[in-house]
Protein backbone atom coordinates (compact mmCIF):
# COMPACT_ATOMS: atom_id res chain seq x y z
CA MET A 1 0.22 -17.97 -28.31
CA GLN A 2 -2.31 -20.38 -26.81
CA VAL A 3 -0.34 -20.41 -23.56
CA LEU A 4 -0.34 -16.59 -23.40
CA ARG A 5 -4.08 -16.51 -24.05
CA ALA A 6 -4.66 -19.07 -21.31
CA ILE A 7 -2.54 -17.05 -18.87
CA TRP A 8 -4.32 -13.82 -19.74
CA GLY A 9 -7.71 -15.54 -19.52
CA PHE A 10 -6.81 -16.70 -16.02
CA ILE A 11 -5.74 -13.17 -15.02
CA GLN A 12 -8.90 -11.61 -16.45
CA ASN A 13 -11.41 -14.18 -15.22
CA GLN A 14 -9.95 -15.40 -11.94
CA LEU A 15 -7.80 -12.51 -10.66
CA LEU A 16 -9.68 -9.48 -11.97
CA GLY A 17 -13.14 -10.99 -12.48
CA MET A 18 -12.83 -13.21 -9.38
CA ASN A 19 -15.06 -15.90 -10.89
CA TRP A 20 -13.75 -18.27 -8.22
CA LEU A 21 -15.33 -16.06 -5.57
CA ASN A 22 -18.74 -16.34 -7.23
CA ASP A 23 -18.39 -20.14 -7.21
CA VAL A 24 -17.37 -20.12 -3.54
CA ILE A 25 -20.36 -17.98 -2.57
CA GLY A 26 -22.72 -20.15 -4.62
CA ASN A 27 -21.37 -23.32 -3.01
CA GLY A 28 -21.66 -21.71 0.42
CA LEU A 29 -25.30 -20.79 -0.13
CA SER A 30 -26.02 -24.30 -1.42
CA ALA A 31 -24.33 -25.78 1.66
CA LEU A 32 -26.77 -23.78 3.77
CA GLY A 33 -29.62 -25.58 2.02
CA LEU A 34 -30.58 -22.65 -0.21
CA ASP A 35 -31.59 -23.07 -3.85
CA ILE A 36 -29.36 -20.76 -5.91
CA SER A 37 -31.82 -20.97 -8.80
CA ASN A 38 -34.33 -19.10 -6.64
CA ARG A 39 -34.39 -15.41 -7.59
CA TRP A 40 -34.03 -14.21 -4.01
CA VAL A 41 -31.03 -16.44 -3.40
CA ALA A 42 -29.52 -15.55 -6.80
CA SER A 43 -29.93 -11.87 -5.95
CA ALA A 44 -28.14 -12.44 -2.63
CA GLN A 45 -25.33 -14.28 -4.42
CA PHE A 46 -24.95 -11.44 -6.94
CA PHE A 47 -24.99 -8.83 -4.17
CA ILE A 48 -22.40 -10.58 -1.96
CA TYR A 49 -20.10 -11.46 -4.88
CA ASP A 50 -20.14 -8.07 -6.58
CA THR A 51 -19.79 -6.14 -3.32
CA ILE A 52 -16.73 -8.11 -2.22
CA LYS A 53 -15.18 -8.04 -5.70
CA ILE A 54 -15.60 -4.30 -6.17
CA VAL A 55 -14.43 -3.45 -2.64
CA VAL A 56 -11.26 -5.53 -3.09
CA LEU A 57 -10.53 -3.95 -6.49
CA LEU A 58 -11.40 -0.53 -5.09
CA CYS A 59 -8.91 -0.77 -2.22
CA VAL A 60 -6.10 -2.26 -4.29
CA LEU A 61 -6.52 0.16 -7.21
CA ILE A 62 -6.89 3.27 -5.06
CA PHE A 63 -3.77 2.34 -3.11
CA ILE A 64 -1.72 1.91 -6.30
CA ILE A 65 -3.15 4.98 -8.03
CA SER A 66 -2.81 7.16 -4.92
CA TYR A 67 0.83 6.16 -4.62
CA ILE A 68 1.34 7.24 -8.24
CA GLN A 69 -0.72 10.37 -7.60
CA SER A 70 1.62 11.35 -4.76
CA PHE A 71 4.21 12.16 -7.44
CA PHE A 72 1.80 14.60 -9.12
CA PRO A 73 0.57 17.19 -6.60
CA PRO A 74 -1.14 20.24 -8.14
CA GLU A 75 1.99 22.40 -8.18
CA ARG A 76 4.03 19.78 -10.02
CA THR A 77 1.16 19.09 -12.41
CA LYS A 78 0.93 22.80 -13.17
CA LYS A 79 4.65 22.91 -13.92
CA ILE A 80 4.40 19.91 -16.23
CA LEU A 81 1.44 21.35 -18.14
CA GLY A 82 3.14 24.73 -18.41
CA ARG A 83 5.92 23.22 -20.53
CA PHE A 84 3.57 22.25 -23.36
CA HIS A 85 1.47 24.24 -25.80
CA GLY A 86 -1.36 23.59 -28.26
CA ILE A 87 -2.79 20.12 -28.69
CA GLY A 88 0.30 18.67 -26.99
CA ALA A 89 -0.72 20.44 -23.78
CA ASN A 90 -4.28 19.10 -24.10
CA THR A 91 -2.92 15.59 -24.58
CA ILE A 92 -0.66 15.79 -21.52
CA ALA A 93 -3.53 17.25 -19.46
CA ALA A 94 -5.82 14.40 -20.50
CA LEU A 95 -3.16 11.82 -19.62
CA LEU A 96 -2.50 13.45 -16.24
CA GLY A 97 -6.23 13.26 -15.59
CA THR A 98 -5.92 9.48 -15.51
CA VAL A 99 -3.94 9.56 -12.23
CA THR A 100 -6.37 11.78 -10.30
CA PRO A 101 -9.26 10.77 -7.98
CA PHE A 102 -12.20 8.88 -9.38
CA CYS A 103 -15.26 11.10 -9.22
CA SER A 104 -15.88 14.32 -11.13
CA CYS A 105 -16.52 16.30 -7.93
CA SER A 106 -12.98 15.56 -6.76
CA SER A 107 -11.52 16.93 -10.00
CA ILE A 108 -13.33 20.28 -10.02
CA PRO A 109 -11.26 21.89 -7.20
CA LEU A 110 -8.09 20.98 -9.12
CA PHE A 111 -9.61 22.40 -12.30
CA MET A 112 -10.33 25.66 -10.45
CA GLY A 113 -6.81 25.76 -9.06
CA PHE A 114 -5.17 25.17 -12.44
CA THR A 115 -7.37 27.80 -14.10
CA SER A 116 -6.60 30.31 -11.34
CA ALA A 117 -2.90 29.59 -11.79
CA GLY A 118 -3.09 30.80 -15.40
CA LEU A 119 -3.04 27.54 -17.35
CA PRO A 120 -4.89 27.75 -20.71
CA LEU A 121 -8.60 27.13 -20.29
CA GLY A 122 -8.71 24.41 -22.94
CA VAL A 123 -5.92 22.53 -21.19
CA THR A 124 -7.70 22.60 -17.85
CA PHE A 125 -10.92 21.36 -19.49
CA SER A 126 -9.05 18.45 -21.09
CA PHE A 127 -7.96 17.55 -17.56
CA LEU A 128 -11.49 18.02 -16.18
CA ILE A 129 -13.06 15.77 -18.82
CA SER A 130 -10.52 12.94 -18.66
CA SER A 131 -10.16 12.80 -14.87
CA PRO A 132 -13.52 11.17 -14.05
CA MET A 133 -14.08 9.53 -17.45
CA VAL A 134 -10.83 7.59 -17.87
CA ASP A 135 -8.49 6.59 -15.07
CA LEU A 136 -6.24 3.66 -14.32
CA GLY A 137 -8.94 2.19 -12.14
CA SER A 138 -11.51 2.24 -14.93
CA LEU A 139 -9.10 0.40 -17.23
CA VAL A 140 -8.64 -2.49 -14.81
CA LEU A 141 -12.33 -2.65 -13.86
CA LEU A 142 -13.48 -2.59 -17.46
CA MET A 143 -11.01 -5.35 -18.29
CA SER A 144 -12.51 -7.48 -15.51
CA ILE A 145 -16.04 -7.07 -16.87
CA PHE A 146 -15.91 -6.41 -20.62
CA GLY A 147 -12.50 -7.72 -21.66
CA THR A 148 -9.20 -6.17 -22.71
CA LYS A 149 -10.25 -4.88 -26.15
CA VAL A 150 -13.31 -3.02 -24.85
CA ALA A 151 -11.34 -1.52 -21.94
CA ILE A 152 -8.50 -0.23 -24.10
CA ILE A 153 -10.82 1.24 -26.75
CA TYR A 154 -12.95 2.86 -24.03
CA VAL A 155 -9.93 4.57 -22.47
CA VAL A 156 -8.52 5.70 -25.83
CA LEU A 157 -11.85 7.18 -26.94
CA GLY A 158 -12.30 8.85 -23.55
CA LEU A 159 -8.92 10.53 -23.97
CA VAL A 160 -9.91 11.61 -27.49
CA ILE A 161 -13.08 13.26 -26.13
CA ALA A 162 -10.98 15.09 -23.51
CA ILE A 163 -8.38 16.27 -26.02
CA VAL A 164 -10.89 17.33 -28.66
CA GLY A 165 -13.18 18.97 -26.10
CA GLY A 166 -10.37 20.98 -24.56
CA THR A 167 -9.09 22.00 -27.99
CA ILE A 168 -12.53 23.24 -29.07
CA ILE A 169 -12.91 25.30 -25.90
CA GLU A 170 -9.43 26.73 -26.41
CA LYS A 171 -10.11 27.70 -30.04
CA LEU A 172 -13.38 29.44 -29.10
CA HIS A 173 -11.59 31.66 -26.55
CA MET A 174 -14.11 31.17 -23.74
CA GLU A 175 -12.00 32.78 -21.01
CA LYS A 176 -14.54 35.57 -20.46
CA TYR A 177 -17.07 32.98 -19.35
CA VAL A 178 -14.98 31.97 -16.33
CA GLU A 179 -16.11 33.57 -13.07
CA LYS A 180 -13.92 36.50 -12.01
CA PHE A 181 -12.90 35.02 -8.67
CA ILE A 182 -11.39 32.09 -10.61
CA SER A 183 -9.75 34.02 -13.45
CA ARG A 184 -8.19 36.51 -11.02
CA GLY A 185 -6.92 33.85 -8.65
CA GLY A 186 -3.33 33.22 -7.80
CA ASN A 187 -1.09 30.19 -7.99
CA VAL A 188 -2.05 26.75 -6.80
CA ASP A 189 -1.46 26.95 -3.07
CA ILE A 190 -0.37 23.39 -2.47
CA GLU A 191 3.37 22.90 -2.31
CA ASP A 192 5.25 20.07 -3.97
CA PRO A 193 6.48 18.19 -0.89
CA ASP A 194 9.58 16.05 -0.93
CA LEU A 195 7.85 12.91 0.26
CA THR A 196 9.66 9.81 1.41
CA ARG A 197 8.52 6.34 0.38
CA ARG A 198 6.91 5.91 3.79
CA ASP A 199 5.07 9.23 3.38
CA ARG A 200 3.72 8.08 0.02
CA LEU A 201 2.59 4.75 1.46
CA VAL A 202 0.84 6.54 4.34
CA PHE A 203 -0.79 8.92 1.86
CA ALA A 204 -1.98 5.98 -0.25
CA LYS A 205 -3.39 4.23 2.82
CA GLU A 206 -5.23 7.38 3.90
CA GLN A 207 -6.67 7.79 0.41
CA VAL A 208 -7.95 4.22 0.47
CA ILE A 209 -9.72 4.78 3.80
CA ASP A 210 -11.10 8.18 2.83
CA THR A 211 -12.31 7.09 -0.60
CA PHE A 212 -13.79 3.86 0.76
CA LYS A 213 -15.87 5.82 3.28
CA LYS A 214 -17.15 8.11 0.52
CA VAL A 215 -17.98 5.57 -2.16
CA PHE A 216 -19.01 2.45 -0.21
CA PRO A 217 -22.67 3.57 0.11
CA TYR A 218 -22.79 4.09 -3.66
CA ILE A 219 -21.25 0.67 -4.24
CA LEU A 220 -24.03 -0.90 -2.16
CA ILE A 221 -26.66 1.06 -4.06
CA GLY A 222 -25.12 0.19 -7.42
CA VAL A 223 -24.79 -3.50 -6.59
CA GLY A 224 -28.36 -3.52 -5.25
CA ILE A 225 -29.68 -2.04 -8.48
CA GLY A 226 -27.55 -4.50 -10.44
CA ALA A 227 -28.99 -7.41 -8.47
CA VAL A 228 -32.54 -6.25 -9.20
CA ILE A 229 -31.80 -5.85 -12.91
CA HIS A 230 -29.95 -9.16 -13.05
CA ASN A 231 -32.60 -11.30 -11.36
CA TRP A 232 -35.95 -9.48 -11.39
CA ILE A 233 -36.35 -7.31 -14.50
CA PRO A 234 -37.44 -9.40 -17.51
CA GLN A 235 -34.83 -9.60 -20.24
CA ASP A 236 -37.43 -8.63 -22.84
CA TRP A 237 -37.87 -5.23 -21.18
CA ILE A 238 -34.15 -4.47 -21.26
CA VAL A 239 -33.82 -5.62 -24.86
CA LYS A 240 -36.84 -3.56 -25.92
CA ILE A 241 -35.64 -0.34 -24.25
CA LEU A 242 -31.86 -0.61 -24.52
CA GLY A 243 -31.36 -3.26 -27.19
CA THR A 244 -30.82 -3.03 -30.94
CA GLY A 245 -34.49 -2.34 -31.58
CA ASN A 246 -34.26 1.17 -30.11
CA PRO A 247 -32.05 3.50 -32.19
CA LEU A 248 -32.30 6.19 -29.47
CA ALA A 249 -31.05 3.92 -26.69
CA VAL A 250 -27.58 5.53 -26.58
CA PRO A 251 -28.73 9.15 -26.01
CA LEU A 252 -31.41 7.86 -23.61
CA ALA A 253 -28.78 6.06 -21.52
CA THR A 254 -26.55 9.15 -21.54
CA ILE A 255 -29.37 11.39 -20.30
CA VAL A 256 -30.51 8.89 -17.66
CA GLY A 257 -26.96 8.74 -16.30
CA ILE A 258 -26.61 12.50 -15.71
CA PRO A 259 -28.74 12.86 -12.50
CA ILE A 260 -26.93 9.92 -10.89
CA TYR A 261 -23.97 10.65 -8.64
CA ALA A 262 -21.49 7.78 -8.58
CA ASP A 263 -18.04 6.84 -9.77
CA ILE A 264 -17.09 3.89 -11.91
CA PHE A 265 -17.18 1.55 -8.91
CA GLY A 266 -20.87 2.28 -8.41
CA THR A 267 -21.78 2.02 -12.10
CA ILE A 268 -19.92 -1.21 -12.90
CA PRO A 269 -22.48 -3.60 -11.30
CA ILE A 270 -25.37 -1.80 -13.02
CA ALA A 271 -23.55 -1.92 -16.36
CA GLU A 272 -22.68 -5.58 -15.85
CA ALA A 273 -26.30 -6.49 -15.17
CA LEU A 274 -27.63 -4.46 -18.11
CA LEU A 275 -25.19 -6.11 -20.52
CA ALA A 276 -26.08 -9.58 -19.23
CA LYS A 277 -29.77 -8.79 -19.82
CA GLY A 278 -29.26 -7.87 -23.47
CA ALA A 279 -28.50 -4.12 -23.47
CA GLN A 280 -26.19 -3.01 -26.26
CA LEU A 281 -22.53 -2.57 -25.36
CA GLY A 282 -22.48 1.05 -26.54
CA VAL A 283 -25.59 1.84 -24.50
CA VAL A 284 -24.02 0.44 -21.32
CA LEU A 285 -20.77 2.35 -21.82
CA ALA A 286 -22.63 5.58 -22.67
CA PHE A 287 -24.53 5.22 -19.41
CA MET A 288 -21.29 4.78 -17.50
CA MET A 289 -19.68 7.80 -19.16
CA GLY A 290 -22.77 9.92 -18.51
CA VAL A 291 -22.76 9.04 -14.80
CA THR A 292 -19.04 9.56 -14.23
CA THR A 293 -18.54 12.69 -16.38
CA LEU A 294 -21.80 14.64 -16.19
CA SER A 295 -23.19 13.84 -12.76
CA LEU A 296 -25.60 16.50 -11.49
CA PRO A 297 -23.67 17.30 -8.27
CA SER A 298 -20.46 17.92 -10.23
CA LEU A 299 -22.30 20.18 -12.68
CA ILE A 300 -23.70 22.19 -9.76
CA MET A 301 -20.18 22.62 -8.37
CA LEU A 302 -18.82 23.58 -11.78
CA SER A 303 -21.58 26.17 -12.26
CA LYS A 304 -20.03 28.18 -9.42
CA ALA A 305 -16.81 28.55 -11.42
CA ILE A 306 -18.00 29.09 -15.00
CA LYS A 307 -20.86 30.96 -16.65
CA PRO A 308 -23.88 29.32 -18.33
CA LYS A 309 -22.60 29.65 -21.91
CA LEU A 310 -19.36 27.81 -21.11
CA MET A 311 -21.29 25.30 -19.02
CA ALA A 312 -23.61 24.56 -21.94
CA LEU A 313 -20.61 24.13 -24.26
CA PHE A 314 -18.93 21.75 -21.81
CA ILE A 315 -22.07 19.64 -21.41
CA GLY A 316 -22.70 19.66 -25.17
CA ILE A 317 -19.16 18.52 -26.00
CA CYS A 318 -19.19 15.75 -23.41
CA ALA A 319 -22.70 14.55 -24.30
CA ALA A 320 -21.95 14.55 -28.06
CA GLY A 321 -18.69 12.69 -27.49
CA ILE A 322 -20.35 10.11 -25.24
CA ILE A 323 -23.17 9.50 -27.73
CA ILE A 324 -20.71 9.10 -30.62
CA VAL A 325 -18.66 6.64 -28.56
CA GLY A 326 -21.83 4.71 -27.69
CA TYR A 327 -22.88 4.29 -31.31
CA PHE A 328 -19.30 3.40 -32.25
CA PHE A 329 -19.21 0.60 -29.70
CA ASN A 330 -22.58 -0.69 -30.88
CA ALA A 331 -21.17 -0.88 -34.41
CA ILE A 332 -17.99 -2.74 -33.49
CA ALA A 333 -19.42 -4.88 -30.67
CA PRO A 334 -19.68 -8.05 -32.82
CA LEU A 335 -15.97 -7.76 -33.59
CA ILE A 336 -14.65 -7.28 -30.03
CA ILE A 337 -16.90 -9.35 -27.74
């Protein structure tokens, strides 16, 4: 057992966390005659290390996930979902959401297509909630920062929010609150191509390049904010606002996350810095969920497809689920970290 723990610790800290890279950068800065205890130099070290680490993980994960995603084009996904009914369909939809693109804005066109194709509204909402909130990339990234237990619980609870949220929407029969141009649409108009292995590899490569171009600016912004938090904002401030002394820290973090447009790659460095400064685990994860699931640009896009009453229900379900998850993590944090 000790050997397995040592192996897993090496994988988590050195392969996923890339702690060796941080040491290399620190040694390099010291070799240049810079004092790494200086806040400016420490900020530079954090910025260089986190940027390289996240970009490497980004490219590797997107390549792997895009290759998997090539087996699930919209038409095939629609066929798979059409075979299930009730909560089973919501569960499958939530699981399929884990192999879709990272940001919520990328998932909304698929949501519209599935709804137009006649899939149950609750099923399509389970997909819409899970797609940005929990994906294979988030699992690996969370493992690299927060550890295996936190990552697995995060993903499981994210899937629960998606399944429960979709089920509630289904039971309330909210179909009349979908815009007519969506509800009267036809089938998903993307065929299920018979791709060769080379086609899938090319597709994965193109997805890496395309996604990198889109998210790299947000990675730089996120890492920059993380560097400021990590080296310049006094720990007492973070603890006072987002620590155990503030019982409203979880809903505050959820609300603050909504106007921000980023995916998990942009939020990870901010979350990492907040946790290191004394923010509660549940607060940090609630912030991440708020950013990835309820970003303002994605809500604006979604408002073109559904009416205000359904929009309010969607936001309410997601926000309530995120807040509950945040308080849950705060309660169990001493047991898992």
